[in-house]
N, C-alpha and C. Protein backbone atom coordinates (compact mmCIF):
# COMPACT_ATOMS: atom_id res chain seq x y z
N MET A 1 274.85 46.39 105.15
CA MET A 1 273.57 47.06 105.94
C MET A 1 273.84 48.11 106.81
N SER A 2 275.01 48.74 106.41
CA SER A 2 275.54 49.94 107.29
C SER A 2 275.31 51.24 106.76
N THR A 3 274.56 51.43 105.46
CA THR A 3 274.71 52.55 104.70
C THR A 3 273.10 53.26 105.48
N PRO A 4 273.18 54.45 105.23
CA PRO A 4 271.94 55.42 105.69
C PRO A 4 270.96 54.96 105.19
N SER A 5 270.74 54.23 103.87
CA SER A 5 269.56 53.86 103.30
C SER A 5 268.84 52.49 103.72
N ALA A 6 270.05 51.66 104.46
CA ALA A 6 269.56 50.55 105.31
C ALA A 6 269.02 50.95 106.67
N LEU A 7 269.44 51.91 107.31
CA LEU A 7 268.78 52.76 108.36
C LEU A 7 267.44 53.03 108.05
N ASP A 8 267.41 53.71 106.98
CA ASP A 8 266.04 54.55 106.71
C ASP A 8 265.04 53.14 106.36
N SER A 9 265.58 52.35 105.92
CA SER A 9 264.67 51.10 105.53
C SER A 9 264.25 50.62 106.67
N PHE A 10 265.11 50.27 107.68
CA PHE A 10 264.66 49.56 108.81
C PHE A 10 263.49 50.57 109.77
N LEU A 11 264.00 51.81 110.04
CA LEU A 11 263.04 52.62 110.33
C LEU A 11 261.79 52.70 109.72
N ASP A 12 261.59 52.57 108.49
CA ASP A 12 260.47 53.06 107.72
C ASP A 12 259.64 51.52 107.92
N LYS A 13 260.15 50.34 107.99
CA LYS A 13 259.41 49.35 108.45
C LYS A 13 258.64 49.36 109.73
N TRP A 14 259.24 49.96 110.62
CA TRP A 14 258.58 50.17 111.84
C TRP A 14 257.28 51.00 111.77
N ARG A 15 257.71 52.33 111.07
CA ARG A 15 256.75 53.29 110.70
C ARG A 15 255.45 52.85 109.85
N THR A 16 255.66 51.93 109.25
CA THR A 16 254.77 51.42 108.32
C THR A 16 253.89 50.34 109.22
N ARG A 17 254.49 49.81 110.07
CA ARG A 17 253.51 48.71 111.23
C ARG A 17 252.68 49.91 112.19
N TRP A 18 253.34 51.09 112.24
CA TRP A 18 252.96 51.89 113.48
C TRP A 18 252.33 53.34 112.68
N PRO A 19 251.41 53.38 112.00
CA PRO A 19 250.99 54.44 111.20
C PRO A 19 250.69 55.73 112.33
N GLU A 20 250.14 55.48 113.31
CA GLU A 20 249.70 56.50 114.37
C GLU A 20 250.96 57.37 114.50
N TRP A 21 252.13 57.16 114.30
CA TRP A 21 253.28 57.57 114.92
C TRP A 21 253.43 59.07 114.29
N GLN A 22 252.71 59.07 113.04
CA GLN A 22 252.89 60.40 112.32
C GLN A 22 252.09 61.40 113.17
N VAL A 23 251.23 61.29 113.97
CA VAL A 23 250.59 62.02 114.87
C VAL A 23 251.28 62.04 116.17
N ALA A 24 251.63 60.90 116.90
CA ALA A 24 252.56 61.00 117.98
C ALA A 24 253.75 61.56 117.97
N GLU A 25 254.69 61.43 117.09
CA GLU A 25 256.00 62.15 116.93
C GLU A 25 256.06 63.61 117.28
N ARG A 26 254.83 64.46 117.07
CA ARG A 26 254.73 65.61 117.31
C ARG A 26 254.89 65.84 118.77
N PHE A 27 255.02 65.02 119.58
CA PHE A 27 254.99 65.26 121.01
C PHE A 27 256.47 65.07 121.50
N VAL A 28 257.17 64.50 120.72
CA VAL A 28 258.70 63.95 120.90
C VAL A 28 259.66 65.11 120.38
N PRO A 29 260.52 65.62 121.13
CA PRO A 29 261.31 66.78 120.57
C PRO A 29 261.92 66.27 119.13
N GLU A 30 262.07 67.06 118.20
CA GLU A 30 262.41 66.96 116.83
C GLU A 30 263.88 66.24 116.92
N ASN A 31 264.93 66.68 117.83
CA ASN A 31 266.24 66.21 117.78
C ASN A 31 266.21 64.71 118.41
N GLN A 32 265.07 64.22 118.99
CA GLN A 32 264.86 62.89 119.70
C GLN A 32 264.42 62.00 118.70
N ARG A 33 263.64 62.24 117.84
CA ARG A 33 262.83 61.42 117.00
C ARG A 33 263.40 60.07 116.20
N THR A 34 264.75 60.41 115.60
CA THR A 34 265.22 59.33 115.08
C THR A 34 265.66 58.29 116.18
N LEU A 35 266.32 58.95 117.27
CA LEU A 35 266.54 57.83 118.47
C LEU A 35 265.45 57.25 118.84
N VAL A 36 264.08 57.69 118.99
CA VAL A 36 263.11 57.13 119.50
C VAL A 36 262.59 56.08 118.50
N VAL A 37 262.62 56.31 117.27
CA VAL A 37 262.12 55.31 116.11
C VAL A 37 263.02 54.30 116.09
N ALA A 38 264.46 54.71 116.31
CA ALA A 38 265.41 53.34 116.30
C ALA A 38 265.09 52.55 117.45
N TRP A 39 264.80 53.19 118.69
CA TRP A 39 264.65 52.41 119.87
C TRP A 39 263.42 51.43 119.68
N PHE A 40 262.20 52.12 119.17
CA PHE A 40 261.15 51.34 118.85
C PHE A 40 261.29 50.26 117.85
N SER A 41 262.20 50.47 116.84
CA SER A 41 262.35 49.48 116.02
C SER A 41 262.99 48.45 116.61
N LEU A 42 263.95 48.68 117.50
CA LEU A 42 264.81 47.49 118.19
C LEU A 42 263.50 46.67 119.01
N LEU A 43 262.86 47.30 119.64
CA LEU A 43 261.90 46.74 120.57
C LEU A 43 260.79 45.99 119.77
N GLN A 44 260.42 46.46 118.65
CA GLN A 44 259.77 45.65 117.51
C GLN A 44 260.38 44.55 117.16
N GLU A 45 261.72 44.56 116.87
CA GLU A 45 262.39 43.23 116.85
C GLU A 45 262.34 42.04 117.66
N PHE A 46 262.40 42.65 119.15
CA PHE A 46 262.22 41.76 120.29
C PHE A 46 260.87 41.39 120.48
N ASP A 47 259.82 42.05 120.13
CA ASP A 47 258.49 41.76 120.07
C ASP A 47 258.32 40.74 119.08
N ASP A 48 258.79 40.80 117.67
CA ASP A 48 258.59 39.84 116.75
C ASP A 48 259.18 38.40 116.92
N ILE A 49 260.28 38.64 117.75
CA ILE A 49 261.10 37.23 118.24
C ILE A 49 260.21 36.61 119.31
N LEU A 50 259.91 37.40 120.11
CA LEU A 50 258.82 36.75 121.25
C LEU A 50 257.47 36.19 120.45
N ASN A 51 256.99 36.82 119.58
CA ASN A 51 255.53 36.42 119.16
C ASN A 51 255.87 35.47 117.91
N THR A 52 256.85 34.97 117.92
CA THR A 52 257.07 34.05 116.56
C THR A 52 256.19 33.11 116.41
N ALA A 53 255.97 32.70 115.07
CA ALA A 53 254.85 31.50 114.86
C ALA A 53 255.65 30.53 114.13
N GLY A 54 255.20 29.22 114.33
CA GLY A 54 256.16 28.18 113.39
C GLY A 54 257.43 27.76 114.08
N ASP A 55 258.37 27.54 113.18
CA ASP A 55 259.71 27.10 113.48
C ASP A 55 260.33 28.43 114.21
N PRO A 56 260.69 28.05 115.77
CA PRO A 56 261.50 29.23 116.27
C PRO A 56 262.86 29.41 116.01
N MET A 57 263.45 28.32 115.56
CA MET A 57 264.95 28.24 115.30
C MET A 57 265.28 29.69 114.63
N PRO A 58 264.86 30.10 113.37
CA PRO A 58 265.47 31.39 112.94
C PRO A 58 265.11 32.36 113.70
N SER A 59 264.35 32.60 114.53
CA SER A 59 264.08 33.75 115.48
C SER A 59 265.09 33.62 116.83
N ASP A 60 265.17 32.30 117.01
CA ASP A 60 266.13 32.12 118.15
C ASP A 60 267.53 32.67 117.77
N ALA A 61 268.02 32.09 116.60
CA ALA A 61 269.27 32.70 116.04
C ALA A 61 269.37 34.10 115.88
N LYS A 62 268.22 34.65 115.53
CA LYS A 62 268.16 36.18 115.35
C LYS A 62 268.45 36.82 116.88
N LEU A 63 267.70 36.10 117.75
CA LEU A 63 267.72 36.80 119.21
C LEU A 63 269.38 36.54 119.77
N ALA A 64 269.94 35.43 119.64
CA ALA A 64 271.24 35.15 119.84
C ALA A 64 272.24 36.30 118.99
N TRP A 65 271.82 36.77 117.99
CA TRP A 65 272.72 37.55 117.25
C TRP A 65 272.75 39.11 117.86
N TRP A 66 271.46 39.37 118.21
CA TRP A 66 271.06 40.46 118.87
C TRP A 66 271.84 40.65 120.12
N GLY A 67 272.05 39.63 120.90
CA GLY A 67 272.59 39.51 122.19
C GLY A 67 273.81 39.90 121.97
N GLU A 68 274.56 39.36 120.95
CA GLU A 68 275.99 39.58 120.79
C GLU A 68 276.09 41.17 120.36
N GLU A 69 275.15 41.66 119.46
CA GLU A 69 275.24 43.11 119.09
C GLU A 69 275.20 43.94 120.23
N LEU A 70 274.02 43.56 121.18
CA LEU A 70 274.02 44.55 122.29
C LEU A 70 275.36 44.59 123.27
N ARG A 71 275.92 43.51 123.26
CA ARG A 71 276.99 43.45 124.13
C ARG A 71 278.09 44.17 123.35
N SER A 72 278.11 44.21 122.06
CA SER A 72 279.33 44.96 121.27
C SER A 72 279.11 46.43 121.66
N TRP A 73 277.78 46.77 121.67
CA TRP A 73 277.27 48.18 121.95
C TRP A 73 277.94 48.73 123.28
N SER A 74 278.19 48.07 124.26
CA SER A 74 278.81 48.22 125.38
C SER A 74 280.27 48.72 125.17
N ALA A 75 280.58 48.08 124.37
CA ALA A 75 282.17 48.36 123.79
C ALA A 75 282.45 49.36 122.57
N GLN A 76 281.19 49.97 122.43
CA GLN A 76 280.98 50.99 121.18
C GLN A 76 281.51 50.56 119.73
N ARG A 77 281.04 49.27 119.78
CA ARG A 77 281.01 48.76 118.49
C ARG A 77 279.61 48.35 117.83
N SER A 78 279.34 48.59 116.66
CA SER A 78 277.91 48.16 116.17
C SER A 78 277.94 47.59 114.84
N ARG A 79 277.22 46.72 114.24
CA ARG A 79 277.23 46.07 113.22
C ARG A 79 275.87 46.69 112.29
N HIS A 80 274.87 46.51 113.27
CA HIS A 80 273.48 46.73 112.66
C HIS A 80 273.42 48.38 112.39
N PRO A 81 272.63 49.01 111.28
CA PRO A 81 272.17 50.12 111.07
C PRO A 81 271.50 50.82 112.37
N LEU A 82 270.71 49.97 113.06
CA LEU A 82 270.22 50.71 114.49
C LEU A 82 271.33 51.02 115.36
N GLY A 83 272.50 50.32 115.54
CA GLY A 83 273.50 50.50 116.42
C GLY A 83 274.20 51.94 116.05
N ARG A 84 274.04 52.38 114.52
CA ARG A 84 274.60 53.40 114.35
C ARG A 84 274.04 54.63 115.17
N VAL A 85 272.67 54.64 115.70
CA VAL A 85 271.95 55.76 116.31
C VAL A 85 272.01 55.28 117.54
N LEU A 86 271.76 54.15 118.16
CA LEU A 86 271.67 53.57 119.54
C LEU A 86 272.77 53.41 120.30
N GLU A 87 273.76 52.95 119.69
CA GLU A 87 275.20 52.36 120.40
C GLU A 87 275.68 53.44 121.13
N PRO A 88 275.71 54.84 120.53
CA PRO A 88 276.56 55.95 121.04
C PRO A 88 275.82 56.35 122.43
N VAL A 89 274.52 56.09 122.77
CA VAL A 89 273.93 56.08 123.90
C VAL A 89 274.84 55.29 125.14
N ARG A 90 275.11 55.77 126.19
CA ARG A 90 275.82 55.00 127.13
C ARG A 90 274.88 54.21 128.05
N ALA A 91 274.03 53.36 127.58
CA ALA A 91 272.97 52.73 128.06
C ALA A 91 273.46 51.22 128.58
N PRO A 92 272.81 50.50 129.53
CA PRO A 92 273.14 49.39 129.90
C PRO A 92 272.74 48.13 129.03
N TRP A 93 273.42 48.36 127.71
CA TRP A 93 273.28 47.35 126.72
C TRP A 93 273.39 45.82 127.00
N ALA A 94 274.43 45.60 127.86
CA ALA A 94 274.86 44.21 127.98
C ALA A 94 274.02 43.58 129.17
N GLN A 95 273.13 44.47 130.03
CA GLN A 95 272.34 44.31 130.92
C GLN A 95 270.95 43.67 130.11
N LEU A 96 270.53 44.54 129.03
CA LEU A 96 269.51 44.07 128.21
C LEU A 96 269.81 42.60 127.35
N ALA A 97 270.80 42.51 127.10
CA ALA A 97 271.46 41.44 126.37
C ALA A 97 271.15 40.22 127.10
N GLU A 98 271.42 40.24 128.44
CA GLU A 98 271.40 39.08 129.28
C GLU A 98 270.02 38.95 129.51
N THR A 99 268.87 39.51 129.20
CA THR A 99 267.72 39.07 129.45
C THR A 99 266.91 38.61 128.23
N LEU A 100 267.60 38.75 127.01
CA LEU A 100 267.06 38.05 125.83
C LEU A 100 266.58 36.81 125.82
N PRO A 101 267.27 35.91 126.34
CA PRO A 101 266.64 34.57 126.58
C PRO A 101 265.29 34.42 127.05
N ASP A 102 265.12 35.30 127.91
CA ASP A 102 263.62 35.36 128.60
C ASP A 102 262.65 35.35 127.58
N LEU A 103 262.72 35.88 126.30
CA LEU A 103 261.83 36.10 125.33
C LEU A 103 261.64 34.53 124.80
N ILE A 104 262.64 33.96 124.86
CA ILE A 104 262.37 32.54 124.21
C ILE A 104 261.66 31.62 125.32
N ASP A 105 261.84 31.87 126.71
CA ASP A 105 261.07 31.13 127.69
C ASP A 105 259.52 31.60 127.79
N ALA A 106 259.46 32.81 127.34
CA ALA A 106 258.08 33.36 127.66
C ALA A 106 257.22 33.20 126.24
N ARG A 107 257.77 32.39 125.25
CA ARG A 107 256.74 31.95 124.29
C ARG A 107 255.90 30.86 124.78
N ALA A 108 256.22 29.95 125.91
CA ALA A 108 255.62 28.95 126.30
C ALA A 108 254.01 29.39 126.90
N VAL A 109 253.07 28.73 126.69
CA VAL A 109 251.90 29.29 127.55
C VAL A 109 251.97 29.16 129.00
N PRO A 110 251.81 30.25 129.55
CA PRO A 110 252.16 30.39 131.25
C PRO A 110 251.02 29.69 131.77
N VAL A 111 251.19 29.22 132.80
CA VAL A 111 250.45 28.26 133.85
C VAL A 111 249.50 29.28 134.22
N ASP A 112 249.73 30.51 134.92
CA ASP A 112 248.82 31.69 135.48
C ASP A 112 249.38 32.97 135.10
N PRO A 113 248.53 33.87 135.49
CA PRO A 113 249.13 35.33 135.43
C PRO A 113 250.29 35.72 135.97
N ALA A 114 250.45 35.26 137.23
CA ALA A 114 251.62 35.36 137.82
C ALA A 114 252.99 34.98 137.02
N GLN A 115 252.76 33.73 136.55
CA GLN A 115 254.04 33.24 135.72
C GLN A 115 254.08 33.80 134.51
N ALA A 116 253.34 34.44 133.68
CA ALA A 116 253.11 35.17 132.80
C ALA A 116 254.12 36.51 133.12
N LEU A 117 253.67 37.30 134.17
CA LEU A 117 254.29 38.33 134.63
C LEU A 117 255.89 38.30 134.86
N ARG A 118 255.99 37.13 135.85
CA ARG A 118 257.63 36.56 136.00
C ARG A 118 258.36 36.21 134.92
N SER A 119 257.72 35.80 133.76
CA SER A 119 258.72 35.24 132.81
C SER A 119 259.61 36.72 131.98
N LEU A 120 258.87 37.84 132.03
CA LEU A 120 259.35 38.88 131.39
C LEU A 120 259.72 40.07 132.23
N GLN A 121 259.82 39.88 133.65
CA GLN A 121 260.15 40.80 134.56
C GLN A 121 261.50 41.32 134.54
N ALA A 122 262.49 40.46 134.23
CA ALA A 122 264.02 40.89 134.23
C ALA A 122 264.04 41.60 132.64
N TYR A 123 263.34 41.38 131.88
CA TYR A 123 263.42 41.79 130.31
C TYR A 123 262.97 43.30 130.61
N ALA A 124 261.59 43.51 131.19
CA ALA A 124 260.97 44.68 131.34
C ALA A 124 261.97 45.77 132.22
N ALA A 125 262.51 45.16 133.16
CA ALA A 125 263.53 45.99 133.94
C ALA A 125 264.67 46.40 133.02
N ALA A 126 265.07 45.59 132.27
CA ALA A 126 266.57 46.16 131.56
C ALA A 126 265.84 47.16 130.32
N VAL A 127 264.79 47.06 129.72
CA VAL A 127 264.23 47.88 129.01
C VAL A 127 264.23 49.28 129.73
N ALA A 128 263.50 49.32 130.77
CA ALA A 128 263.33 50.43 131.41
C ALA A 128 264.63 51.03 131.74
N ALA A 129 265.53 50.32 131.99
CA ALA A 129 266.79 50.92 132.71
C ALA A 129 267.73 51.48 131.30
N VAL A 130 267.60 50.93 130.07
CA VAL A 130 268.17 51.37 128.92
C VAL A 130 267.09 52.79 128.65
N GLU A 131 265.87 52.79 128.80
CA GLU A 131 265.09 54.10 128.38
C GLU A 131 265.47 55.29 129.52
N ALA A 132 265.62 54.86 130.69
CA ALA A 132 266.12 55.78 131.70
C ALA A 132 267.34 56.58 131.04
N VAL A 133 268.26 55.88 130.71
CA VAL A 133 269.74 56.49 130.27
C VAL A 133 269.31 57.18 128.95
N MET A 134 268.79 56.50 128.06
CA MET A 134 268.43 57.08 126.79
C MET A 134 267.74 58.39 126.70
N PHE A 135 266.77 58.57 127.40
CA PHE A 135 266.26 59.66 127.60
C PHE A 135 266.49 60.54 128.58
N ASP A 136 267.18 60.36 129.35
CA ASP A 136 267.94 61.15 130.26
C ASP A 136 266.71 61.38 131.51
N THR A 137 266.09 60.33 131.79
CA THR A 137 264.95 60.26 132.82
C THR A 137 265.35 59.36 133.91
N PRO A 138 265.71 59.82 134.98
CA PRO A 138 266.11 59.09 136.00
C PRO A 138 264.76 58.07 136.43
N ALA A 139 265.02 56.84 136.68
CA ALA A 139 263.87 56.25 137.13
C ALA A 139 263.45 56.55 138.55
N ARG A 140 261.88 56.80 138.64
CA ARG A 140 261.25 56.97 139.62
C ARG A 140 260.20 55.93 139.64
N GLY A 141 260.25 55.32 141.05
CA GLY A 141 259.08 54.41 141.26
C GLY A 141 259.30 53.15 140.48
N ASP A 142 258.03 52.50 140.06
CA ASP A 142 258.26 51.15 139.29
C ASP A 142 257.98 51.51 137.83
N VAL A 143 259.38 51.62 137.13
CA VAL A 143 259.26 51.98 135.61
C VAL A 143 258.86 50.57 134.74
N ALA A 144 259.34 49.57 135.63
CA ALA A 144 259.33 48.17 134.60
C ALA A 144 257.95 47.80 134.28
N THR A 145 256.89 48.07 135.33
CA THR A 145 255.79 47.48 135.01
C THR A 145 254.92 47.98 133.79
N PRO A 146 255.12 49.12 133.39
CA PRO A 146 254.36 49.58 132.03
C PRO A 146 255.09 48.90 131.05
N VAL A 147 256.46 48.59 130.93
CA VAL A 147 256.95 47.90 129.86
C VAL A 147 256.64 46.51 129.87
N LEU A 148 256.52 45.71 130.90
CA LEU A 148 256.00 44.48 131.02
C LEU A 148 254.52 44.42 130.66
N VAL A 149 253.66 45.20 131.15
CA VAL A 149 252.27 45.06 130.47
C VAL A 149 252.24 45.26 129.15
N GLN A 150 252.84 46.28 128.55
CA GLN A 150 253.03 46.77 127.10
C GLN A 150 253.32 45.58 126.48
N THR A 151 254.37 44.82 126.78
CA THR A 151 255.06 43.61 126.27
C THR A 151 253.74 42.44 126.07
N LEU A 152 253.34 42.24 127.25
CA LEU A 152 252.30 40.96 127.29
C LEU A 152 251.07 41.48 126.49
N ALA A 153 250.37 42.72 126.62
CA ALA A 153 249.42 43.33 125.72
C ALA A 153 249.76 42.88 124.45
N GLN A 154 250.93 43.30 123.81
CA GLN A 154 251.27 43.27 122.56
C GLN A 154 251.31 41.87 122.16
N ARG A 155 251.90 40.97 122.99
CA ARG A 155 251.86 39.24 122.83
C ARG A 155 250.48 38.94 122.65
N LEU A 156 249.51 39.56 123.52
CA LEU A 156 248.19 38.82 123.49
C LEU A 156 247.54 39.31 122.15
N HIS A 157 247.93 40.36 121.74
CA HIS A 157 247.39 40.97 120.24
C HIS A 157 247.88 40.22 119.22
N GLU A 158 249.32 39.73 119.22
CA GLU A 158 250.06 39.28 118.15
C GLU A 158 249.75 37.75 118.14
N SER A 159 249.48 37.27 119.48
CA SER A 159 249.65 35.40 119.26
C SER A 159 248.52 34.98 119.85
N GLY A 160 247.44 35.74 120.30
CA GLY A 160 246.19 35.33 120.62
C GLY A 160 246.14 34.33 121.61
N VAL A 161 245.55 33.28 121.50
CA VAL A 161 245.55 32.21 122.61
C VAL A 161 246.68 31.65 123.29
N ALA A 162 247.70 31.56 122.42
CA ALA A 162 249.03 31.20 122.83
C ALA A 162 249.73 32.00 123.88
N ALA A 163 249.09 33.18 124.26
CA ALA A 163 249.58 34.30 125.11
C ALA A 163 248.73 34.25 126.54
N ILE A 164 247.68 33.36 126.24
CA ILE A 164 246.65 33.58 127.62
C ILE A 164 247.07 32.46 128.50
N PRO A 165 247.31 32.91 129.75
CA PRO A 165 247.55 32.02 130.98
C PRO A 165 246.69 30.85 130.97
N ARG A 166 247.21 29.45 131.03
CA ARG A 166 246.20 28.33 130.98
C ARG A 166 245.09 28.38 132.06
N SER A 167 245.40 29.04 133.35
CA SER A 167 244.33 29.12 134.14
C SER A 167 242.96 30.06 133.92
N LEU A 168 243.37 30.79 133.13
CA LEU A 168 242.26 31.67 132.55
C LEU A 168 241.44 30.85 131.42
N LEU A 169 242.32 29.98 130.64
CA LEU A 169 241.45 29.27 129.67
C LEU A 169 240.67 28.27 130.07
N ALA A 170 241.20 27.63 131.44
CA ALA A 170 240.44 26.56 131.96
C ALA A 170 239.06 27.13 132.54
N GLU A 171 238.90 28.26 132.62
CA GLU A 171 237.72 28.97 133.59
C GLU A 171 236.51 28.97 132.40
N ASP A 172 237.06 29.79 131.37
CA ASP A 172 236.22 29.96 130.16
C ASP A 172 237.10 30.30 128.90
N ASP A 173 236.95 29.63 127.94
CA ASP A 173 237.71 29.61 126.69
C ASP A 173 237.43 30.97 126.04
N THR A 174 236.17 31.31 125.91
CA THR A 174 235.58 32.37 125.12
C THR A 174 236.01 33.71 125.78
N ALA A 175 235.76 33.73 126.96
CA ALA A 175 236.04 34.91 127.89
C ALA A 175 237.60 35.29 128.17
N ALA A 176 238.19 34.34 128.09
CA ALA A 176 239.67 34.37 128.24
C ALA A 176 240.52 35.53 127.80
N PRO A 177 240.49 35.57 126.59
CA PRO A 177 241.20 37.04 126.15
C PRO A 177 240.89 38.27 126.58
N ARG A 178 239.58 38.33 126.77
CA ARG A 178 239.00 39.37 127.50
C ARG A 178 239.31 39.72 128.89
N LYS A 179 239.42 38.69 129.65
CA LYS A 179 239.68 38.73 130.81
C LYS A 179 241.22 38.98 131.25
N TRP A 180 242.22 38.40 130.39
CA TRP A 180 243.42 38.46 130.36
C TRP A 180 243.70 40.09 130.15
N ALA A 181 243.17 40.61 129.17
CA ALA A 181 243.22 41.84 128.65
C ALA A 181 242.93 43.12 129.70
N GLN A 182 241.89 42.68 130.47
CA GLN A 182 241.45 43.34 131.60
C GLN A 182 242.29 43.21 132.84
N GLN A 183 242.97 42.10 132.99
CA GLN A 183 243.89 42.10 133.97
C GLN A 183 245.44 42.85 133.42
N LEU A 184 245.48 42.71 132.43
CA LEU A 184 246.79 43.77 132.23
C LEU A 184 246.54 45.34 132.22
N LEU A 185 245.28 45.54 131.58
CA LEU A 185 244.89 46.90 131.79
C LEU A 185 244.78 47.42 133.35
N ALA A 186 244.51 46.48 134.26
CA ALA A 186 244.31 46.81 135.65
C ALA A 186 245.74 47.05 136.29
N LYS A 187 246.67 46.63 135.43
CA LYS A 187 248.19 46.63 136.12
C LYS A 187 249.03 47.74 135.46
N TRP A 188 248.16 48.51 134.56
CA TRP A 188 248.72 49.72 133.91
C TRP A 188 248.71 50.82 135.01
N PRO A 189 249.68 51.68 135.21
CA PRO A 189 249.59 52.72 136.20
C PRO A 189 248.76 53.95 135.66
N ALA A 190 248.30 54.42 136.39
CA ALA A 190 247.68 55.84 136.01
C ALA A 190 248.30 56.85 135.23
N ARG A 191 249.44 57.06 135.95
CA ARG A 191 250.85 57.88 135.30
C ARG A 191 252.08 57.13 135.46
N VAL A 192 252.61 57.06 134.43
CA VAL A 192 254.10 56.70 134.29
C VAL A 192 255.26 57.55 134.72
N ALA A 193 255.95 57.08 135.70
CA ALA A 193 257.07 57.93 135.83
C ALA A 193 257.90 57.64 135.03
N GLY A 194 258.53 58.61 134.14
CA GLY A 194 259.67 58.30 133.18
C GLY A 194 259.31 58.69 131.73
N PRO A 195 259.88 57.88 130.79
CA PRO A 195 259.76 58.33 129.62
C PRO A 195 258.76 57.81 128.90
N ARG A 196 258.06 56.94 129.48
CA ARG A 196 256.74 56.06 128.82
C ARG A 196 255.64 57.00 129.01
């Protein structure tokens, strides 16, 4: 899995899921495009694990493997094709690895919006810390909230009712998805300080 074609295959998988990248990539410096797509591909892996349907055991095993892989990147060893691109960046990979179990816990339907936000707060902060190093953009202000809100919005899109806090479902099942989406949108900052 360490050949250039394996990396291309992995990156193409992400590009297929996000066809709008063909437009957006023009706003990314050409020398950073492969790095950016590799990073987004890794985040997509984590989103897929968070939003798994059915038996979670294969996803949980994959997540444990990714934890080991990220820790090995801290020692400049990689096995996955994405690591060939991402591992040379001296980012806090071990810190991100430590938060991956939060993705398993966050699969449970949250009691309320506050619990949903808390469940992925450490993960979002770790993602933002990696991005600050990867894109050489010192963190200014709250850089974790955009990651957190985007992750929860993606979860709502992928998992539907399973991602909606119970307190919103109890009020009105039909309006709950819209209400949760509105609450997430309200938390999105007007301008993001950093690479997002």
